[in-house]
Amino acid sequence: MRHVLLVVGASFAAIALLSRPAIASPTLSGDVDVGHAVGEAADWNGATFGMTARAGYEADLGKGLFLAPEVGAGFVHIARGDGVADGSALLPSNPSLFRLLGGLRLGVADRSVTSLFVRGGYAWITGEADGHTRRAQAPLLDVGLAVDVAVTPLFRLGGHAGFGAMWARDYGGAFTSLHLGFTGTLMLDAHDGRSPERTAAR
């Protein structure tokens, strides 16, 4: 966790130094995701549902490109699958988790925004086993592709798809899943002199 915070902090500092204040664009975003466990994880778990709040700082790299460090926090519930959670399960049965995230987003902006994201973090998991509450912790990784469009000069709406993995302590291998979702993004500097289309897209 400490390494994730150091990487995110260093990214914010580098972006702040390399970008001009008039170009830098602080953002607030909310994600709603649905997905499903894949691979070995699908033996014990099924559908997933999650919500995440994120704060970012988009910096213009020129020619429509931008780079954005971001941090976030969210909740995910993972439904029980058809299998039985035993000693070889990858997570506690019917788990819910709280997670903290930090990462980078690289994209191209015009009237729409297409971006690739990669972020790491940590999850605190609560589940069940033999009628008892079980807890676990897990580092995690999430990568994906997002596309947003301008709704107003202040607001973007879009969708994303991604792949996630977690490695829970005292359990089996990596829990892996695919997810799809919707995102709303609020731009916090829509009055910096750029056109409404450019501001909303960036």
N, C-alpha and C. Protein backbone atom coordinates (compact mmCIF):
# COMPACT_ATOMS: atom_id res chain seq x y z
N MET A 1 0.82 -1.20 0.00
CA MET A 1 0.00 0.00 0.00
C MET A 1 0.86 1.26 0.00
N ARG A 2 1.95 1.23 0.80
CA ARG A 2 2.83 2.38 0.87
C ARG A 2 3.45 2.67 -0.49
N HIS A 3 3.81 1.59 -1.24
CA HIS A 3 4.42 1.79 -2.56
C HIS A 3 3.43 2.41 -3.53
N VAL A 4 2.15 2.00 -3.46
CA VAL A 4 1.13 2.57 -4.33
C VAL A 4 0.98 4.07 -4.07
N LEU A 5 0.94 4.46 -2.79
CA LEU A 5 0.79 5.87 -2.45
C LEU A 5 1.99 6.68 -2.91
N LEU A 6 3.20 6.11 -2.81
CA LEU A 6 4.39 6.83 -3.27
C LEU A 6 4.37 7.04 -4.77
N VAL A 7 3.97 6.01 -5.52
CA VAL A 7 3.90 6.13 -6.98
C VAL A 7 2.88 7.18 -7.40
N VAL A 8 1.69 7.14 -6.77
CA VAL A 8 0.66 8.11 -7.11
C VAL A 8 1.10 9.52 -6.75
N GLY A 9 1.71 9.70 -5.58
CA GLY A 9 2.18 11.02 -5.18
C GLY A 9 3.24 11.56 -6.12
N ALA A 10 4.17 10.71 -6.53
CA ALA A 10 5.20 11.13 -7.47
C ALA A 10 4.60 11.50 -8.82
N SER A 11 3.58 10.77 -9.24
CA SER A 11 2.92 11.07 -10.52
C SER A 11 2.25 12.43 -10.48
N PHE A 12 1.53 12.72 -9.40
CA PHE A 12 0.90 14.03 -9.25
C PHE A 12 1.93 15.14 -9.30
N ALA A 13 3.05 14.96 -8.61
CA ALA A 13 4.08 16.00 -8.59
C ALA A 13 4.68 16.22 -9.97
N ALA A 14 4.94 15.13 -10.70
CA ALA A 14 5.52 15.26 -12.04
C ALA A 14 4.58 15.96 -13.00
N ILE A 15 3.29 15.62 -12.95
CA ILE A 15 2.32 16.24 -13.84
C ILE A 15 2.18 17.72 -13.52
N ALA A 16 2.16 18.07 -12.25
CA ALA A 16 2.03 19.46 -11.86
C ALA A 16 3.21 20.29 -12.35
N LEU A 17 4.41 19.72 -12.35
CA LEU A 17 5.60 20.45 -12.78
C LEU A 17 5.67 20.58 -14.30
N LEU A 18 5.17 19.58 -15.02
CA LEU A 18 5.29 19.57 -16.47
C LEU A 18 4.17 20.30 -17.19
N SER A 19 3.06 20.55 -16.54
CA SER A 19 1.91 21.15 -17.22
C SER A 19 1.73 22.60 -16.81
N ARG A 20 1.11 23.38 -17.71
CA ARG A 20 0.79 24.76 -17.41
C ARG A 20 -0.51 24.82 -16.62
N PRO A 21 -0.65 25.72 -15.66
CA PRO A 21 -1.88 25.79 -14.85
C PRO A 21 -3.15 25.95 -15.68
N ALA A 22 -3.07 26.67 -16.82
CA ALA A 22 -4.28 26.88 -17.62
C ALA A 22 -4.72 25.62 -18.34
N ILE A 23 -3.81 24.66 -18.48
CA ILE A 23 -4.13 23.43 -19.19
C ILE A 23 -4.57 22.33 -18.23
N ALA A 24 -3.96 22.27 -17.05
CA ALA A 24 -4.27 21.22 -16.09
C ALA A 24 -5.76 21.23 -15.76
N SER A 25 -6.36 20.04 -15.71
CA SER A 25 -7.80 19.93 -15.53
C SER A 25 -8.13 18.97 -14.40
N PRO A 26 -8.38 19.45 -13.19
CA PRO A 26 -8.84 18.56 -12.12
C PRO A 26 -10.21 17.98 -12.48
N THR A 27 -10.43 16.73 -12.12
CA THR A 27 -11.70 16.06 -12.42
C THR A 27 -12.18 15.27 -11.22
N LEU A 28 -13.50 15.10 -11.15
CA LEU A 28 -14.13 14.19 -10.21
C LEU A 28 -15.01 13.24 -11.01
N SER A 29 -14.90 11.94 -10.75
CA SER A 29 -15.63 10.94 -11.54
C SER A 29 -16.30 9.91 -10.64
N GLY A 30 -17.39 9.34 -11.16
CA GLY A 30 -18.07 8.24 -10.50
C GLY A 30 -18.30 7.10 -11.47
N ASP A 31 -17.95 5.88 -11.09
CA ASP A 31 -18.11 4.69 -11.93
C ASP A 31 -19.13 3.75 -11.33
N VAL A 32 -19.94 3.14 -12.19
CA VAL A 32 -20.82 2.03 -11.81
C VAL A 32 -20.50 0.87 -12.74
N ASP A 33 -20.14 -0.28 -12.17
CA ASP A 33 -19.66 -1.42 -12.97
C ASP A 33 -20.46 -2.69 -12.70
N VAL A 34 -20.60 -3.49 -13.74
CA VAL A 34 -21.07 -4.87 -13.59
C VAL A 34 -20.07 -5.76 -14.31
N GLY A 35 -19.93 -6.99 -13.85
CA GLY A 35 -18.96 -7.88 -14.48
C GLY A 35 -19.18 -9.32 -14.07
N HIS A 36 -18.12 -10.13 -14.28
CA HIS A 36 -18.22 -11.54 -13.94
C HIS A 36 -16.83 -12.10 -13.72
N ALA A 37 -16.71 -13.00 -12.76
CA ALA A 37 -15.45 -13.70 -12.53
C ALA A 37 -15.10 -14.53 -13.77
N VAL A 38 -13.82 -14.63 -14.07
CA VAL A 38 -13.35 -15.43 -15.21
C VAL A 38 -12.20 -16.32 -14.75
N GLY A 39 -11.89 -17.32 -15.59
CA GLY A 39 -10.81 -18.22 -15.26
C GLY A 39 -11.15 -19.09 -14.07
N GLU A 40 -10.13 -19.42 -13.27
CA GLU A 40 -10.33 -20.28 -12.10
C GLU A 40 -11.31 -19.66 -11.10
N ALA A 41 -11.36 -18.31 -11.04
CA ALA A 41 -12.25 -17.64 -10.10
C ALA A 41 -13.71 -17.96 -10.35
N ALA A 42 -14.07 -18.27 -11.61
CA ALA A 42 -15.46 -18.57 -11.95
C ALA A 42 -15.93 -19.89 -11.35
N ASP A 43 -15.02 -20.71 -10.81
CA ASP A 43 -15.43 -21.96 -10.16
C ASP A 43 -16.19 -21.70 -8.87
N TRP A 44 -15.97 -20.53 -8.24
CA TRP A 44 -16.59 -20.24 -6.94
C TRP A 44 -17.41 -18.97 -6.94
N ASN A 45 -17.19 -18.09 -7.90
CA ASN A 45 -17.85 -16.79 -7.89
C ASN A 45 -18.48 -16.49 -9.23
N GLY A 46 -19.50 -15.58 -9.20
CA GLY A 46 -20.22 -15.24 -10.42
C GLY A 46 -20.15 -13.77 -10.75
N ALA A 47 -21.32 -13.13 -10.78
CA ALA A 47 -21.41 -11.73 -11.20
C ALA A 47 -20.79 -10.80 -10.16
N THR A 48 -20.34 -9.64 -10.64
CA THR A 48 -19.80 -8.61 -9.76
C THR A 48 -20.56 -7.30 -9.99
N PHE A 49 -20.64 -6.49 -8.92
CA PHE A 49 -21.23 -5.16 -9.01
C PHE A 49 -20.37 -4.22 -8.17
N GLY A 50 -20.03 -3.07 -8.74
CA GLY A 50 -19.17 -2.16 -8.01
C GLY A 50 -19.47 -0.70 -8.28
N MET A 51 -19.07 0.15 -7.34
CA MET A 51 -19.16 1.60 -7.47
C MET A 51 -17.84 2.21 -6.99
N THR A 52 -17.33 3.19 -7.73
CA THR A 52 -16.05 3.80 -7.40
C THR A 52 -16.13 5.31 -7.60
N ALA A 53 -15.57 6.06 -6.67
CA ALA A 53 -15.41 7.51 -6.81
C ALA A 53 -13.94 7.79 -7.06
N ARG A 54 -13.63 8.68 -8.04
CA ARG A 54 -12.25 8.96 -8.41
C ARG A 54 -12.01 10.46 -8.49
N ALA A 55 -10.78 10.85 -8.19
CA ALA A 55 -10.31 12.22 -8.40
C ALA A 55 -9.07 12.15 -9.28
N GLY A 56 -9.01 13.00 -10.29
CA GLY A 56 -7.88 12.98 -11.21
C GLY A 56 -7.39 14.38 -11.55
N TYR A 57 -6.32 14.42 -12.32
CA TYR A 57 -5.70 15.68 -12.70
C TYR A 57 -5.15 15.52 -14.11
N GLU A 58 -5.95 15.90 -15.13
CA GLU A 58 -5.58 15.71 -16.52
C GLU A 58 -4.63 16.82 -16.98
N ALA A 59 -3.50 16.44 -17.55
CA ALA A 59 -2.52 17.40 -18.04
C ALA A 59 -2.36 17.24 -19.55
N ASP A 60 -2.46 18.33 -20.29
CA ASP A 60 -2.36 18.34 -21.74
C ASP A 60 -0.92 18.13 -22.16
N LEU A 61 -0.65 17.09 -22.96
CA LEU A 61 0.68 16.81 -23.47
C LEU A 61 0.89 17.37 -24.88
N GLY A 62 -0.15 18.01 -25.43
CA GLY A 62 -0.06 18.53 -26.79
C GLY A 62 -0.64 17.57 -27.81
N LYS A 63 -1.14 18.14 -28.92
CA LYS A 63 -1.69 17.35 -30.03
C LYS A 63 -2.84 16.46 -29.57
N GLY A 64 -3.60 16.94 -28.59
CA GLY A 64 -4.78 16.21 -28.14
C GLY A 64 -4.52 15.14 -27.10
N LEU A 65 -3.26 14.87 -26.78
CA LEU A 65 -2.94 13.83 -25.80
C LEU A 65 -2.97 14.39 -24.38
N PHE A 66 -3.35 13.57 -23.44
CA PHE A 66 -3.28 13.97 -22.04
C PHE A 66 -2.88 12.78 -21.17
N LEU A 67 -2.30 13.09 -20.02
CA LEU A 67 -1.91 12.10 -19.03
C LEU A 67 -2.52 12.51 -17.70
N ALA A 68 -3.11 11.55 -16.99
CA ALA A 68 -3.83 11.89 -15.76
C ALA A 68 -3.55 10.88 -14.66
N PRO A 69 -2.85 11.28 -13.60
CA PRO A 69 -2.83 10.45 -12.39
C PRO A 69 -4.20 10.53 -11.72
N GLU A 70 -4.60 9.47 -11.03
CA GLU A 70 -5.90 9.47 -10.37
C GLU A 70 -5.85 8.59 -9.13
N VAL A 71 -6.72 8.90 -8.19
CA VAL A 71 -6.90 8.07 -7.00
C VAL A 71 -8.39 7.82 -6.83
N GLY A 72 -8.74 6.72 -6.18
CA GLY A 72 -10.15 6.41 -6.01
C GLY A 72 -10.39 5.47 -4.86
N ALA A 73 -11.67 5.36 -4.50
CA ALA A 73 -12.11 4.43 -3.46
C ALA A 73 -13.46 3.88 -3.89
N GLY A 74 -13.72 2.62 -3.56
CA GLY A 74 -14.99 2.05 -3.98
C GLY A 74 -15.35 0.77 -3.26
N PHE A 75 -16.52 0.26 -3.62
CA PHE A 75 -17.11 -0.94 -3.04
C PHE A 75 -17.43 -1.92 -4.16
N VAL A 76 -17.17 -3.20 -3.95
CA VAL A 76 -17.49 -4.24 -4.92
C VAL A 76 -18.12 -5.42 -4.19
N HIS A 77 -19.21 -5.95 -4.75
CA HIS A 77 -19.79 -7.19 -4.24
C HIS A 77 -19.65 -8.26 -5.32
N ILE A 78 -19.26 -9.46 -4.91
CA ILE A 78 -19.05 -10.57 -5.83
C ILE A 78 -20.00 -11.69 -5.44
N ALA A 79 -20.87 -12.07 -6.35
CA ALA A 79 -21.89 -13.07 -6.04
C ALA A 79 -21.29 -14.47 -5.95
N ARG A 80 -21.93 -15.29 -5.16
CA ARG A 80 -21.52 -16.69 -5.03
C ARG A 80 -21.81 -17.43 -6.34
N GLY A 81 -20.90 -18.27 -6.78
CA GLY A 81 -21.09 -19.06 -7.98
C GLY A 81 -21.70 -20.41 -7.66
N ASP A 82 -21.59 -21.33 -8.61
CA ASP A 82 -22.17 -22.66 -8.43
C ASP A 82 -21.29 -23.57 -7.58
N GLY A 83 -20.01 -23.24 -7.46
CA GLY A 83 -19.09 -24.10 -6.73
C GLY A 83 -19.22 -23.93 -5.23
N VAL A 84 -18.47 -24.71 -4.51
CA VAL A 84 -18.46 -24.66 -3.04
C VAL A 84 -17.12 -24.08 -2.61
N ALA A 85 -17.15 -23.04 -1.78
CA ALA A 85 -15.92 -22.41 -1.31
C ALA A 85 -15.27 -23.31 -0.26
N ASP A 86 -14.18 -23.95 -0.64
CA ASP A 86 -13.45 -24.80 0.30
C ASP A 86 -12.04 -24.25 0.46
N GLY A 87 -11.13 -25.07 0.87
CA GLY A 87 -9.77 -24.61 1.09
C GLY A 87 -9.04 -24.16 -0.15
N SER A 88 -9.57 -24.51 -1.33
CA SER A 88 -8.91 -24.10 -2.57
C SER A 88 -9.55 -22.86 -3.19
N ALA A 89 -10.55 -22.26 -2.55
CA ALA A 89 -11.21 -21.07 -3.08
C ALA A 89 -10.23 -19.89 -3.14
N LEU A 90 -10.49 -18.96 -4.05
CA LEU A 90 -9.62 -17.80 -4.23
C LEU A 90 -10.00 -16.65 -3.32
N LEU A 91 -11.25 -16.63 -2.83
CA LEU A 91 -11.74 -15.59 -1.93
C LEU A 91 -12.69 -16.23 -0.92
N PRO A 92 -12.98 -15.55 0.19
CA PRO A 92 -14.07 -16.02 1.04
C PRO A 92 -15.37 -16.13 0.24
N SER A 93 -16.28 -16.96 0.66
CA SER A 93 -17.52 -17.15 -0.08
C SER A 93 -18.40 -15.90 -0.04
N ASN A 94 -19.05 -15.58 -1.18
CA ASN A 94 -19.98 -14.45 -1.29
C ASN A 94 -19.34 -13.15 -0.78
N PRO A 95 -18.19 -12.77 -1.31
CA PRO A 95 -17.42 -11.67 -0.71
C PRO A 95 -17.90 -10.28 -1.11
N SER A 96 -17.70 -9.34 -0.20
CA SER A 96 -17.83 -7.91 -0.47
C SER A 96 -16.50 -7.28 -0.10
N LEU A 97 -16.13 -6.22 -0.81
CA LEU A 97 -14.83 -5.63 -0.54
C LEU A 97 -14.85 -4.12 -0.70
N PHE A 98 -14.02 -3.48 0.10
CA PHE A 98 -13.73 -2.06 -0.02
C PHE A 98 -12.33 -1.95 -0.58
N ARG A 99 -12.13 -1.06 -1.56
CA ARG A 99 -10.82 -0.96 -2.19
C ARG A 99 -10.37 0.49 -2.36
N LEU A 100 -9.06 0.69 -2.29
CA LEU A 100 -8.43 1.96 -2.60
C LEU A 100 -7.57 1.76 -3.84
N LEU A 101 -7.61 2.75 -4.76
CA LEU A 101 -6.94 2.64 -6.04
C LEU A 101 -6.07 3.86 -6.32
N GLY A 102 -5.03 3.66 -7.09
CA GLY A 102 -4.23 4.77 -7.60
C GLY A 102 -3.60 4.35 -8.91
N GLY A 103 -3.56 5.27 -9.89
CA GLY A 103 -2.98 4.88 -11.17
C GLY A 103 -2.88 6.02 -12.15
N LEU A 104 -2.75 5.67 -13.42
CA LEU A 104 -2.58 6.64 -14.49
C LEU A 104 -3.56 6.35 -15.62
N ARG A 105 -3.92 7.41 -16.32
CA ARG A 105 -4.81 7.33 -17.48
C ARG A 105 -4.15 8.11 -18.61
N LEU A 106 -3.99 7.48 -19.78
CA LEU A 106 -3.41 8.13 -20.95
C LEU A 106 -4.45 8.15 -22.05
N GLY A 107 -4.72 9.34 -22.62
CA GLY A 107 -5.78 9.41 -23.60
C GLY A 107 -5.59 10.46 -24.66
N VAL A 108 -6.53 10.49 -25.58
CA VAL A 108 -6.57 11.51 -26.63
C VAL A 108 -7.95 12.16 -26.58
N ALA A 109 -7.96 13.50 -26.64
CA ALA A 109 -9.20 14.25 -26.47
C ALA A 109 -9.48 15.11 -27.68
N ASP A 110 -10.74 15.08 -28.11
CA ASP A 110 -11.24 16.01 -29.12
C ASP A 110 -12.66 16.33 -28.68
N ARG A 111 -13.66 15.97 -29.48
CA ARG A 111 -15.04 16.10 -29.00
C ARG A 111 -15.42 14.91 -28.13
N SER A 112 -14.60 13.87 -28.17
CA SER A 112 -14.75 12.74 -27.26
C SER A 112 -13.38 12.43 -26.69
N VAL A 113 -13.35 11.60 -25.68
CA VAL A 113 -12.11 11.23 -25.00
C VAL A 113 -11.99 9.71 -25.02
N THR A 114 -10.88 9.21 -25.56
CA THR A 114 -10.57 7.78 -25.50
C THR A 114 -9.32 7.63 -24.66
N SER A 115 -9.36 6.76 -23.66
CA SER A 115 -8.22 6.64 -22.76
C SER A 115 -7.98 5.20 -22.34
N LEU A 116 -6.73 4.90 -22.06
CA LEU A 116 -6.32 3.65 -21.46
C LEU A 116 -5.97 3.91 -20.01
N PHE A 117 -6.38 3.02 -19.11
CA PHE A 117 -6.05 3.23 -17.71
C PHE A 117 -5.41 1.98 -17.11
N VAL A 118 -4.53 2.22 -16.16
CA VAL A 118 -3.93 1.15 -15.37
C VAL A 118 -3.83 1.67 -13.94
N ARG A 119 -4.25 0.87 -12.99
CA ARG A 119 -4.23 1.30 -11.60
C ARG A 119 -4.05 0.09 -10.69
N GLY A 120 -3.35 0.34 -9.61
CA GLY A 120 -3.15 -0.68 -8.59
C GLY A 120 -3.80 -0.23 -7.30
N GLY A 121 -3.82 -1.11 -6.33
CA GLY A 121 -4.44 -0.72 -5.07
C GLY A 121 -4.48 -1.87 -4.09
N TYR A 122 -5.40 -1.74 -3.15
CA TYR A 122 -5.51 -2.72 -2.07
C TYR A 122 -6.98 -2.88 -1.70
N ALA A 123 -7.36 -4.12 -1.39
CA ALA A 123 -8.76 -4.42 -1.06
C ALA A 123 -8.85 -5.09 0.31
N TRP A 124 -9.89 -4.72 1.05
CA TRP A 124 -10.24 -5.36 2.32
C TRP A 124 -11.53 -6.13 2.09
N ILE A 125 -11.48 -7.45 2.27
CA ILE A 125 -12.55 -8.35 1.84
C ILE A 125 -13.24 -8.97 3.05
N THR A 126 -14.57 -9.02 3.00
CA THR A 126 -15.37 -9.69 4.03
C THR A 126 -16.25 -10.73 3.34
N GLY A 127 -16.25 -11.96 3.86
CA GLY A 127 -17.05 -13.02 3.27
C GLY A 127 -17.51 -14.01 4.33
N GLU A 128 -17.82 -15.23 3.88
CA GLU A 128 -18.34 -16.25 4.76
C GLU A 128 -17.56 -17.55 4.58
N ALA A 129 -17.58 -18.36 5.61
CA ALA A 129 -17.03 -19.72 5.54
C ALA A 129 -17.57 -20.51 6.72
N ASP A 130 -18.30 -21.61 6.42
CA ASP A 130 -18.85 -22.48 7.46
C ASP A 130 -19.69 -21.70 8.47
N GLY A 131 -20.46 -20.72 7.97
CA GLY A 131 -21.33 -19.95 8.84
C GLY A 131 -20.63 -18.87 9.63
N HIS A 132 -19.36 -18.66 9.40
CA HIS A 132 -18.60 -17.67 10.11
C HIS A 132 -18.12 -16.58 9.15
N THR A 133 -17.95 -15.38 9.67
CA THR A 133 -17.41 -14.29 8.86
C THR A 133 -15.91 -14.49 8.69
N ARG A 134 -15.46 -14.39 7.45
CA ARG A 134 -14.04 -14.50 7.14
C ARG A 134 -13.57 -13.20 6.50
N ARG A 135 -12.35 -12.80 6.80
CA ARG A 135 -11.79 -11.57 6.24
C ARG A 135 -10.47 -11.87 5.55
N ALA A 136 -10.18 -11.08 4.53
CA ALA A 136 -8.91 -11.21 3.82
C ALA A 136 -8.51 -9.85 3.28
N GLN A 137 -7.26 -9.75 2.88
CA GLN A 137 -6.75 -8.55 2.24
C GLN A 137 -6.07 -8.95 0.94
N ALA A 138 -6.06 -8.03 -0.03
CA ALA A 138 -5.53 -8.40 -1.33
C ALA A 138 -5.01 -7.18 -2.09
N PRO A 139 -3.76 -7.23 -2.59
CA PRO A 139 -3.36 -6.24 -3.58
C PRO A 139 -4.12 -6.49 -4.86
N LEU A 140 -4.31 -5.46 -5.66
CA LEU A 140 -5.11 -5.62 -6.88
C LEU A 140 -4.53 -4.81 -8.03
N LEU A 141 -4.94 -5.20 -9.23
CA LEU A 141 -4.56 -4.51 -10.46
C LEU A 141 -5.79 -4.42 -11.34
N ASP A 142 -5.97 -3.26 -12.00
CA ASP A 142 -7.12 -3.05 -12.88
C ASP A 142 -6.64 -2.30 -14.12
N VAL A 143 -6.92 -2.83 -15.31
CA VAL A 143 -6.54 -2.18 -16.56
C VAL A 143 -7.76 -2.15 -17.49
N GLY A 144 -7.82 -1.15 -18.39
CA GLY A 144 -8.96 -1.10 -19.29
C GLY A 144 -8.94 0.06 -20.25
N LEU A 145 -10.04 0.21 -20.97
CA LEU A 145 -10.24 1.22 -22.00
C LEU A 145 -11.53 1.96 -21.69
N ALA A 146 -11.50 3.30 -21.84
CA ALA A 146 -12.68 4.13 -21.58
C ALA A 146 -12.92 5.08 -22.75
N VAL A 147 -14.19 5.38 -23.01
CA VAL A 147 -14.59 6.37 -24.02
C VAL A 147 -15.64 7.27 -23.40
N ASP A 148 -15.38 8.60 -23.38
CA ASP A 148 -16.31 9.58 -22.83
C ASP A 148 -16.71 10.58 -23.90
N VAL A 149 -17.90 11.18 -23.75
CA VAL A 149 -18.36 12.24 -24.66
C VAL A 149 -18.84 13.42 -23.83
N ALA A 150 -18.74 14.62 -24.43
CA ALA A 150 -19.17 15.83 -23.74
C ALA A 150 -20.68 15.94 -23.75
N VAL A 151 -21.26 16.11 -22.57
CA VAL A 151 -22.69 16.37 -22.44
C VAL A 151 -22.93 17.87 -22.29
N THR A 152 -22.13 18.51 -21.45
CA THR A 152 -22.11 19.96 -21.28
C THR A 152 -20.65 20.37 -21.11
N PRO A 153 -20.35 21.68 -21.11
CA PRO A 153 -18.96 22.09 -20.87
C PRO A 153 -18.41 21.64 -19.52
N LEU A 154 -19.30 21.27 -18.61
CA LEU A 154 -18.86 20.87 -17.29
C LEU A 154 -18.88 19.36 -17.06
N PHE A 155 -19.49 18.59 -17.96
CA PHE A 155 -19.79 17.21 -17.64
C PHE A 155 -19.56 16.29 -18.83
N ARG A 156 -18.91 15.14 -18.59
CA ARG A 156 -18.73 14.08 -19.58
C ARG A 156 -19.43 12.82 -19.10
N LEU A 157 -19.93 12.04 -20.05
CA LEU A 157 -20.56 10.76 -19.75
C LEU A 157 -19.94 9.72 -20.67
N GLY A 158 -19.63 8.57 -20.14
CA GLY A 158 -18.98 7.56 -20.98
C GLY A 158 -19.11 6.16 -20.45
N GLY A 159 -18.41 5.25 -21.11
CA GLY A 159 -18.40 3.85 -20.72
C GLY A 159 -16.98 3.32 -20.72
N HIS A 160 -16.79 2.18 -20.07
CA HIS A 160 -15.46 1.59 -20.00
C HIS A 160 -15.56 0.08 -19.87
N ALA A 161 -14.48 -0.59 -20.21
CA ALA A 161 -14.36 -2.04 -20.06
C ALA A 161 -12.98 -2.34 -19.50
N GLY A 162 -12.88 -3.34 -18.64
CA GLY A 162 -11.59 -3.61 -18.03
C GLY A 162 -11.44 -5.03 -17.53
N PHE A 163 -10.23 -5.31 -17.10
CA PHE A 163 -9.85 -6.61 -16.53
C PHE A 163 -9.23 -6.34 -15.17
N GLY A 164 -9.65 -7.09 -14.16
CA GLY A 164 -9.12 -6.91 -12.82
C GLY A 164 -8.59 -8.21 -12.24
N ALA A 165 -7.62 -8.07 -11.34
CA ALA A 165 -7.05 -9.24 -10.66
C ALA A 165 -6.76 -8.87 -9.21
N MET A 166 -6.96 -9.83 -8.30
CA MET A 166 -6.63 -9.67 -6.89
C MET A 166 -5.94 -10.93 -6.39
N TRP A 167 -5.04 -10.75 -5.41
CA TRP A 167 -4.30 -11.87 -4.84
C TRP A 167 -4.54 -11.87 -3.34
N ALA A 168 -5.57 -12.58 -2.89
CA ALA A 168 -5.95 -12.56 -1.48
C ALA A 168 -5.00 -13.41 -0.64
N ARG A 169 -4.60 -12.87 0.49
CA ARG A 169 -3.71 -13.59 1.40
C ARG A 169 -4.42 -14.82 1.96
N ASP A 170 -3.67 -15.90 2.09
CA ASP A 170 -4.16 -17.16 2.66
C ASP A 170 -5.20 -17.85 1.79
N TYR A 171 -5.32 -17.43 0.53
CA TYR A 171 -6.23 -18.11 -0.40
C TYR A 171 -5.42 -18.59 -1.60
N GLY A 172 -6.12 -19.04 -2.65
CA GLY A 172 -5.44 -19.62 -3.80
C GLY A 172 -4.77 -18.59 -4.69
N GLY A 173 -4.82 -18.81 -6.00
CA GLY A 173 -4.18 -17.91 -6.95
C GLY A 173 -4.96 -16.62 -7.15
N ALA A 174 -4.75 -15.98 -8.29
CA ALA A 174 -5.35 -14.68 -8.55
C ALA A 174 -6.85 -14.81 -8.83
N PHE A 175 -7.65 -13.96 -8.19
CA PHE A 175 -9.06 -13.81 -8.54
C PHE A 175 -9.12 -12.86 -9.73
N THR A 176 -9.67 -13.30 -10.85
CA THR A 176 -9.71 -12.48 -12.06
C THR A 176 -11.15 -12.25 -12.51
N SER A 177 -11.40 -11.08 -13.10
CA SER A 177 -12.75 -10.74 -13.55
C SER A 177 -12.70 -9.76 -14.70
N LEU A 178 -13.77 -9.73 -15.48
CA LEU A 178 -13.99 -8.73 -16.52
C LEU A 178 -15.14 -7.85 -16.08
N HIS A 179 -15.09 -6.54 -16.44
CA HIS A 179 -16.17 -5.65 -16.04
C HIS A 179 -16.45 -4.60 -17.11
N LEU A 180 -17.70 -4.15 -17.14
CA LEU A 180 -18.18 -3.07 -18.00
C LEU A 180 -18.88 -2.06 -17.12
N GLY A 181 -18.87 -0.79 -17.54
CA GLY A 181 -19.55 0.19 -16.70
C GLY A 181 -19.76 1.53 -17.35
N PHE A 182 -20.44 2.41 -16.61
CA PHE A 182 -20.69 3.78 -17.02
C PHE A 182 -19.94 4.73 -16.09
N THR A 183 -19.54 5.87 -16.64
CA THR A 183 -18.80 6.86 -15.87
C THR A 183 -19.36 8.26 -16.11
N GLY A 184 -19.50 9.03 -15.05
CA GLY A 184 -19.79 10.46 -15.15
C GLY A 184 -18.59 11.23 -14.62
N THR A 185 -18.16 12.26 -15.37
CA THR A 185 -16.98 13.03 -14.98
C THR A 185 -17.31 14.51 -14.95
N LEU A 186 -16.98 15.15 -13.83
CA LEU A 186 -17.17 16.59 -13.67
C LEU A 186 -15.84 17.29 -13.87
N MET A 187 -15.80 18.26 -14.82
CA MET A 187 -14.61 19.06 -15.07
C MET A 187 -14.63 20.27 -14.14
N LEU A 188 -13.52 20.53 -13.46
CA LEU A 188 -13.49 21.57 -12.45
C LEU A 188 -12.89 22.88 -12.94
N ASP A 189 -12.52 22.97 -14.23
CA ASP A 189 -11.93 24.22 -14.74
C ASP A 189 -12.52 24.59 -16.09
N ALA A 190 -13.83 24.53 -16.21
CA ALA A 190 -14.49 24.74 -17.50
C ALA A 190 -14.44 26.18 -17.97
N HIS A 191 -13.89 27.10 -17.20
CA HIS A 191 -13.85 28.51 -17.58
C HIS A 191 -12.42 29.01 -17.70
N ASP A 192 -11.55 28.20 -18.35
CA ASP A 192 -10.15 28.58 -18.47
C ASP A 192 -9.83 29.19 -19.84
N GLY A 193 -10.86 29.53 -20.63
CA GLY A 193 -10.63 30.18 -21.90
C GLY A 193 -10.69 29.27 -23.10
N ARG A 194 -10.77 27.96 -22.90
CA ARG A 194 -10.90 27.05 -24.03
C ARG A 194 -12.34 27.01 -24.51
N SER A 195 -12.56 26.49 -25.70
CA SER A 195 -13.92 26.38 -26.23
C SER A 195 -14.71 25.40 -25.38
N PRO A 196 -16.06 25.52 -25.33
CA PRO A 196 -16.84 24.58 -24.54
C PRO A 196 -16.63 23.15 -24.96
N GLU A 197 -16.49 22.89 -26.28
CA GLU A 197 -16.31 21.52 -26.73
C GLU A 197 -14.99 20.95 -26.23
N ARG A 198 -13.92 21.74 -26.36
CA ARG A 198 -12.62 21.28 -25.94
C ARG A 198 -12.57 21.07 -24.43
N THR A 199 -13.16 21.98 -23.68
CA THR A 199 -13.17 21.88 -22.24
C THR A 199 -13.91 20.64 -21.78
N ALA A 200 -15.09 20.40 -22.34
CA ALA A 200 -15.88 19.24 -21.94
C ALA A 200 -15.20 17.95 -22.34
N ALA A 201 -14.56 17.91 -23.51
CA ALA A 201 -13.90 16.71 -23.94
C ALA A 201 -12.66 16.44 -23.13
N ARG A 202 -11.96 17.45 -22.65
CA ARG A 202 -10.76 17.27 -21.87
C ARG A 202 -11.05 17.27 -20.39
